[in-house]
Amino acid sequence: MKHLALPVALFMFQSTPLIAEPTQYEVIDNSYQVCLTEPLYRQLLNFSLYGVGKPPTQGCFNASAGAKAIILQCPESDIILCQFRLESDGTDAIEVWASKVMLREIE
């Protein structure tokens, strides 16, 4: 029995998943708009890119340049949309939807 304890202990140690820190990003500049929901951002894109419909009247705004961002999810679809948690200096974090092109990775 003593001989089995070591391999079992090693297996348990090796199978422990490592939890990585989320990659940190920041907003490139303040020309990018974000929206509070995915449907609002899709509405904004349809108007901005294709001239279809009207822009949202509420729930969308320019992201602050240099705001820190963590990507929460990027559902697969026809266009890369992601949900982010944005945090600017001195403000509470807010969850928004936008395109990942507005971000640069912080090293």
N, C-alpha and C. Protein backbone atom coordinates (compact mmCIF):
# COMPACT_ATOMS: atom_id res chain seq x y z
N MET A 1 0.80 -1.20 0.00
CA MET A 1 0.00 0.00 0.00
C MET A 1 0.84 1.27 0.00
N LYS A 2 2.00 1.23 0.64
CA LYS A 2 2.84 2.41 0.68
C LYS A 2 3.30 2.79 -0.72
N HIS A 3 3.46 1.82 -1.60
CA HIS A 3 3.95 2.10 -2.95
C HIS A 3 2.88 2.78 -3.80
N LEU A 4 1.60 2.59 -3.52
CA LEU A 4 0.52 3.20 -4.29
C LEU A 4 0.28 4.65 -3.88
N ALA A 5 0.61 4.99 -2.67
CA ALA A 5 0.30 6.34 -2.18
C ALA A 5 1.03 7.41 -2.96
N LEU A 6 2.27 7.19 -3.31
CA LEU A 6 3.05 8.20 -4.03
C LEU A 6 2.51 8.45 -5.44
N PRO A 7 2.26 7.42 -6.27
CA PRO A 7 1.71 7.69 -7.61
C PRO A 7 0.34 8.36 -7.55
N VAL A 8 -0.50 7.97 -6.61
CA VAL A 8 -1.82 8.59 -6.50
C VAL A 8 -1.67 10.06 -6.12
N ALA A 9 -0.78 10.35 -5.19
CA ALA A 9 -0.54 11.73 -4.78
C ALA A 9 0.01 12.55 -5.95
N LEU A 10 0.91 11.97 -6.74
CA LEU A 10 1.45 12.68 -7.89
C LEU A 10 0.37 12.93 -8.94
N PHE A 11 -0.49 11.96 -9.17
CA PHE A 11 -1.59 12.13 -10.13
C PHE A 11 -2.51 13.24 -9.68
N MET A 12 -2.84 13.28 -8.40
CA MET A 12 -3.73 14.32 -7.89
C MET A 12 -3.08 15.69 -8.06
N PHE A 13 -1.79 15.80 -7.84
CA PHE A 13 -1.10 17.07 -7.98
C PHE A 13 -1.08 17.51 -9.45
N GLN A 14 -0.82 16.58 -10.36
CA GLN A 14 -0.73 16.91 -11.78
C GLN A 14 -2.08 17.27 -12.38
N SER A 15 -3.17 16.76 -11.85
CA SER A 15 -4.47 17.02 -12.45
C SER A 15 -5.14 18.26 -11.87
N THR A 16 -4.49 18.94 -10.96
CA THR A 16 -5.05 20.16 -10.41
C THR A 16 -4.98 21.26 -11.46
N PRO A 17 -6.13 21.83 -11.86
CA PRO A 17 -6.10 22.86 -12.90
C PRO A 17 -5.47 24.14 -12.38
N LEU A 18 -4.75 24.80 -13.27
CA LEU A 18 -4.17 26.09 -12.92
C LEU A 18 -5.13 27.18 -13.35
N ILE A 19 -5.33 28.15 -12.51
CA ILE A 19 -6.23 29.25 -12.83
C ILE A 19 -5.38 30.44 -13.26
N ALA A 20 -5.54 30.82 -14.50
CA ALA A 20 -4.75 31.94 -15.04
C ALA A 20 -5.47 33.25 -14.76
N GLU A 21 -4.69 34.27 -14.59
CA GLU A 21 -5.25 35.60 -14.46
C GLU A 21 -5.84 36.01 -15.81
N PRO A 22 -6.99 36.72 -15.80
CA PRO A 22 -7.54 37.17 -17.08
C PRO A 22 -6.59 38.17 -17.74
N THR A 23 -6.53 38.12 -19.06
CA THR A 23 -5.69 39.07 -19.80
C THR A 23 -6.25 40.47 -19.61
N GLN A 24 -5.38 41.40 -19.33
CA GLN A 24 -5.79 42.79 -19.13
C GLN A 24 -5.66 43.55 -20.45
N TYR A 25 -6.65 44.38 -20.73
CA TYR A 25 -6.66 45.22 -21.92
C TYR A 25 -6.96 46.65 -21.49
N GLU A 26 -6.75 47.58 -22.43
CA GLU A 26 -7.19 48.95 -22.22
C GLU A 26 -7.76 49.47 -23.53
N VAL A 27 -8.65 50.46 -23.41
CA VAL A 27 -9.28 51.08 -24.57
C VAL A 27 -8.25 51.96 -25.27
N ILE A 28 -8.12 51.79 -26.58
CA ILE A 28 -7.11 52.49 -27.37
C ILE A 28 -7.31 54.01 -27.33
N ASP A 29 -8.52 54.46 -27.67
CA ASP A 29 -8.81 55.90 -27.61
C ASP A 29 -10.30 56.09 -27.38
N ASN A 30 -10.74 57.34 -27.25
CA ASN A 30 -12.13 57.58 -26.89
C ASN A 30 -13.07 57.71 -28.09
N SER A 31 -12.68 57.20 -29.25
CA SER A 31 -13.54 57.27 -30.43
C SER A 31 -14.45 56.05 -30.56
N TYR A 32 -14.28 55.06 -29.69
CA TYR A 32 -15.06 53.82 -29.78
C TYR A 32 -16.30 53.89 -28.90
N GLN A 33 -17.43 53.47 -29.48
CA GLN A 33 -18.67 53.43 -28.70
C GLN A 33 -18.89 52.03 -28.15
N VAL A 34 -19.49 51.99 -26.97
CA VAL A 34 -19.88 50.75 -26.32
C VAL A 34 -21.35 50.88 -25.94
N CYS A 35 -22.00 49.74 -25.74
CA CYS A 35 -23.41 49.75 -25.35
C CYS A 35 -23.62 48.81 -24.17
N LEU A 36 -24.68 49.06 -23.42
CA LEU A 36 -24.95 48.29 -22.22
C LEU A 36 -25.46 46.88 -22.50
N THR A 37 -26.02 46.66 -23.71
CA THR A 37 -26.52 45.33 -24.06
C THR A 37 -26.07 44.95 -25.47
N GLU A 38 -26.06 43.68 -25.74
CA GLU A 38 -25.70 43.20 -27.07
C GLU A 38 -26.68 43.69 -28.14
N PRO A 39 -28.01 43.62 -27.90
CA PRO A 39 -28.94 44.12 -28.93
C PRO A 39 -28.72 45.61 -29.25
N LEU A 40 -28.42 46.42 -28.24
CA LEU A 40 -28.15 47.84 -28.50
C LEU A 40 -26.90 48.00 -29.36
N TYR A 41 -25.86 47.22 -29.09
CA TYR A 41 -24.64 47.34 -29.89
C TYR A 41 -24.88 46.87 -31.32
N ARG A 42 -25.66 45.82 -31.50
CA ARG A 42 -26.00 45.36 -32.85
C ARG A 42 -26.78 46.45 -33.60
N GLN A 43 -27.70 47.12 -32.89
CA GLN A 43 -28.46 48.21 -33.49
C GLN A 43 -27.51 49.34 -33.93
N LEU A 44 -26.56 49.67 -33.07
CA LEU A 44 -25.57 50.70 -33.39
C LEU A 44 -24.74 50.30 -34.62
N LEU A 45 -24.32 49.04 -34.68
CA LEU A 45 -23.55 48.56 -35.83
C LEU A 45 -24.36 48.61 -37.12
N ASN A 46 -25.62 48.16 -37.04
CA ASN A 46 -26.46 48.17 -38.23
C ASN A 46 -26.60 49.58 -38.79
N PHE A 47 -26.75 50.56 -37.91
CA PHE A 47 -26.87 51.94 -38.37
C PHE A 47 -25.52 52.46 -38.87
N SER A 48 -24.46 52.25 -38.09
CA SER A 48 -23.14 52.81 -38.42
C SER A 48 -22.53 52.19 -39.67
N LEU A 49 -22.64 50.88 -39.81
CA LEU A 49 -22.00 50.19 -40.93
C LEU A 49 -22.85 50.12 -42.19
N TYR A 50 -24.17 49.95 -42.01
CA TYR A 50 -25.03 49.68 -43.15
C TYR A 50 -26.09 50.74 -43.40
N GLY A 51 -26.21 51.72 -42.51
CA GLY A 51 -27.24 52.74 -42.66
C GLY A 51 -28.64 52.20 -42.48
N VAL A 52 -28.76 51.11 -41.73
CA VAL A 52 -30.06 50.47 -41.52
C VAL A 52 -30.59 50.86 -40.15
N GLY A 53 -31.86 51.27 -40.10
CA GLY A 53 -32.48 51.61 -38.82
C GLY A 53 -31.99 52.95 -38.29
N LYS A 54 -32.09 53.07 -36.97
CA LYS A 54 -31.68 54.30 -36.29
C LYS A 54 -30.68 53.94 -35.20
N PRO A 55 -29.82 54.90 -34.84
CA PRO A 55 -28.89 54.61 -33.74
C PRO A 55 -29.66 54.57 -32.42
N PRO A 56 -29.17 53.82 -31.45
CA PRO A 56 -29.83 53.81 -30.14
C PRO A 56 -29.82 55.22 -29.54
N THR A 57 -30.91 55.57 -28.89
CA THR A 57 -31.00 56.90 -28.26
C THR A 57 -30.49 56.88 -26.83
N GLN A 58 -30.41 55.72 -26.23
CA GLN A 58 -29.90 55.56 -24.87
C GLN A 58 -29.12 54.26 -24.79
N GLY A 59 -28.26 54.17 -23.79
CA GLY A 59 -27.57 52.92 -23.51
C GLY A 59 -26.26 52.72 -24.25
N CYS A 60 -25.83 53.69 -25.06
CA CYS A 60 -24.55 53.62 -25.75
C CYS A 60 -23.78 54.91 -25.51
N PHE A 61 -22.46 54.80 -25.45
CA PHE A 61 -21.63 55.97 -25.17
C PHE A 61 -20.19 55.66 -25.57
N ASN A 62 -19.37 56.69 -25.64
CA ASN A 62 -17.96 56.51 -25.98
C ASN A 62 -17.22 55.95 -24.77
N ALA A 63 -16.38 54.97 -25.03
CA ALA A 63 -15.53 54.41 -23.97
C ALA A 63 -14.39 55.38 -23.70
N SER A 64 -13.98 55.46 -22.46
CA SER A 64 -12.88 56.35 -22.08
C SER A 64 -11.54 55.77 -22.51
N ALA A 65 -10.72 56.59 -23.15
CA ALA A 65 -9.38 56.15 -23.54
C ALA A 65 -8.62 55.72 -22.30
N GLY A 66 -7.94 54.59 -22.39
CA GLY A 66 -7.15 54.09 -21.28
C GLY A 66 -7.92 53.32 -20.23
N ALA A 67 -9.25 53.22 -20.39
CA ALA A 67 -10.04 52.45 -19.43
C ALA A 67 -9.56 51.00 -19.45
N LYS A 68 -9.45 50.40 -18.31
CA LYS A 68 -9.03 49.00 -18.20
C LYS A 68 -10.21 48.11 -18.58
N ALA A 69 -9.91 47.01 -19.27
CA ALA A 69 -10.97 46.12 -19.74
C ALA A 69 -10.59 44.67 -19.51
N ILE A 70 -11.58 43.90 -19.12
CA ILE A 70 -11.46 42.45 -19.03
C ILE A 70 -12.56 41.88 -19.92
N ILE A 71 -12.20 40.99 -20.83
CA ILE A 71 -13.19 40.36 -21.70
C ILE A 71 -13.94 39.30 -20.90
N LEU A 72 -15.26 39.42 -20.87
CA LEU A 72 -16.09 38.46 -20.16
C LEU A 72 -16.55 37.33 -21.07
N GLN A 73 -16.91 37.67 -22.30
CA GLN A 73 -17.34 36.66 -23.27
C GLN A 73 -17.32 37.25 -24.67
N CYS A 74 -17.13 36.38 -25.64
CA CYS A 74 -17.20 36.74 -27.06
C CYS A 74 -17.98 35.65 -27.77
N PRO A 75 -19.31 35.74 -27.75
CA PRO A 75 -20.10 34.71 -28.43
C PRO A 75 -19.79 34.71 -29.93
N GLU A 76 -19.72 33.53 -30.50
CA GLU A 76 -19.45 33.44 -31.94
C GLU A 76 -20.68 33.88 -32.71
N SER A 77 -20.46 34.70 -33.72
CA SER A 77 -21.55 35.11 -34.60
C SER A 77 -20.94 35.67 -35.87
N ASP A 78 -21.73 36.41 -36.63
CA ASP A 78 -21.25 36.93 -37.90
C ASP A 78 -20.21 38.04 -37.73
N ILE A 79 -20.12 38.62 -36.59
CA ILE A 79 -19.18 39.71 -36.33
C ILE A 79 -18.65 39.52 -34.92
N ILE A 80 -17.42 39.88 -34.67
CA ILE A 80 -16.87 39.64 -33.33
C ILE A 80 -17.38 40.69 -32.37
N LEU A 81 -18.24 40.28 -31.49
CA LEU A 81 -18.76 41.13 -30.43
C LEU A 81 -18.33 40.52 -29.11
N CYS A 82 -17.99 41.36 -28.18
CA CYS A 82 -17.58 40.87 -26.87
C CYS A 82 -18.25 41.67 -25.77
N GLN A 83 -18.40 41.01 -24.65
CA GLN A 83 -18.85 41.70 -23.45
C GLN A 83 -17.61 41.94 -22.59
N PHE A 84 -17.46 43.17 -22.14
CA PHE A 84 -16.30 43.57 -21.36
C PHE A 84 -16.72 44.12 -20.01
N ARG A 85 -15.80 44.07 -19.09
CA ARG A 85 -15.93 44.84 -17.85
C ARG A 85 -14.92 45.97 -17.98
N LEU A 86 -15.43 47.21 -18.03
CA LEU A 86 -14.57 48.39 -18.17
C LEU A 86 -14.47 49.12 -16.85
N GLU A 87 -13.29 49.63 -16.57
CA GLU A 87 -13.08 50.41 -15.35
C GLU A 87 -12.15 51.58 -15.67
N SER A 88 -12.67 52.78 -15.49
CA SER A 88 -11.86 53.99 -15.65
C SER A 88 -11.40 54.44 -14.28
N ASP A 89 -10.37 55.25 -14.24
CA ASP A 89 -9.87 55.76 -12.97
C ASP A 89 -10.98 56.45 -12.18
N GLY A 90 -11.16 56.01 -10.96
CA GLY A 90 -12.11 56.65 -10.06
C GLY A 90 -13.57 56.34 -10.31
N THR A 91 -13.88 55.41 -11.21
CA THR A 91 -15.28 55.06 -11.44
C THR A 91 -15.50 53.57 -11.19
N ASP A 92 -16.74 53.22 -10.95
CA ASP A 92 -17.08 51.81 -10.76
C ASP A 92 -16.99 51.08 -12.10
N ALA A 93 -16.72 49.79 -12.02
CA ALA A 93 -16.67 48.96 -13.23
C ALA A 93 -18.07 48.87 -13.83
N ILE A 94 -18.12 48.78 -15.15
CA ILE A 94 -19.39 48.67 -15.85
C ILE A 94 -19.23 47.59 -16.93
N GLU A 95 -20.27 46.81 -17.14
CA GLU A 95 -20.24 45.78 -18.17
C GLU A 95 -20.89 46.33 -19.43
N VAL A 96 -20.19 46.19 -20.56
CA VAL A 96 -20.64 46.75 -21.83
C VAL A 96 -20.38 45.76 -22.96
N TRP A 97 -20.98 46.04 -24.11
CA TRP A 97 -20.76 45.26 -25.33
C TRP A 97 -20.11 46.16 -26.37
N ALA A 98 -19.16 45.61 -27.11
CA ALA A 98 -18.47 46.36 -28.16
C ALA A 98 -17.63 45.39 -28.98
N SER A 99 -16.87 45.95 -29.90
CA SER A 99 -15.95 45.16 -30.70
C SER A 99 -14.59 45.12 -30.01
N LYS A 100 -13.93 43.99 -30.13
CA LYS A 100 -12.62 43.81 -29.51
C LYS A 100 -11.55 44.69 -30.15
N VAL A 101 -11.82 45.23 -31.34
CA VAL A 101 -10.81 46.06 -32.01
C VAL A 101 -10.49 47.33 -31.24
N MET A 102 -11.33 47.71 -30.30
CA MET A 102 -11.09 48.95 -29.54
C MET A 102 -10.06 48.76 -28.43
N LEU A 103 -9.56 47.54 -28.26
CA LEU A 103 -8.67 47.24 -27.14
C LEU A 103 -7.25 46.94 -27.58
N ARG A 104 -6.32 47.21 -26.68
CA ARG A 104 -4.95 46.73 -26.84
C ARG A 104 -4.57 46.03 -25.54
N GLU A 105 -3.79 44.97 -25.69
CA GLU A 105 -3.38 44.19 -24.53
C GLU A 105 -2.36 44.97 -23.70
N ILE A 106 -2.53 44.90 -22.39
CA ILE A 106 -1.58 45.52 -21.48
C ILE A 106 -0.56 44.47 -21.11
N GLU A 107 0.70 44.77 -21.29
CA GLU A 107 1.75 43.79 -20.97
C GLU A 107 2.32 44.04 -19.61
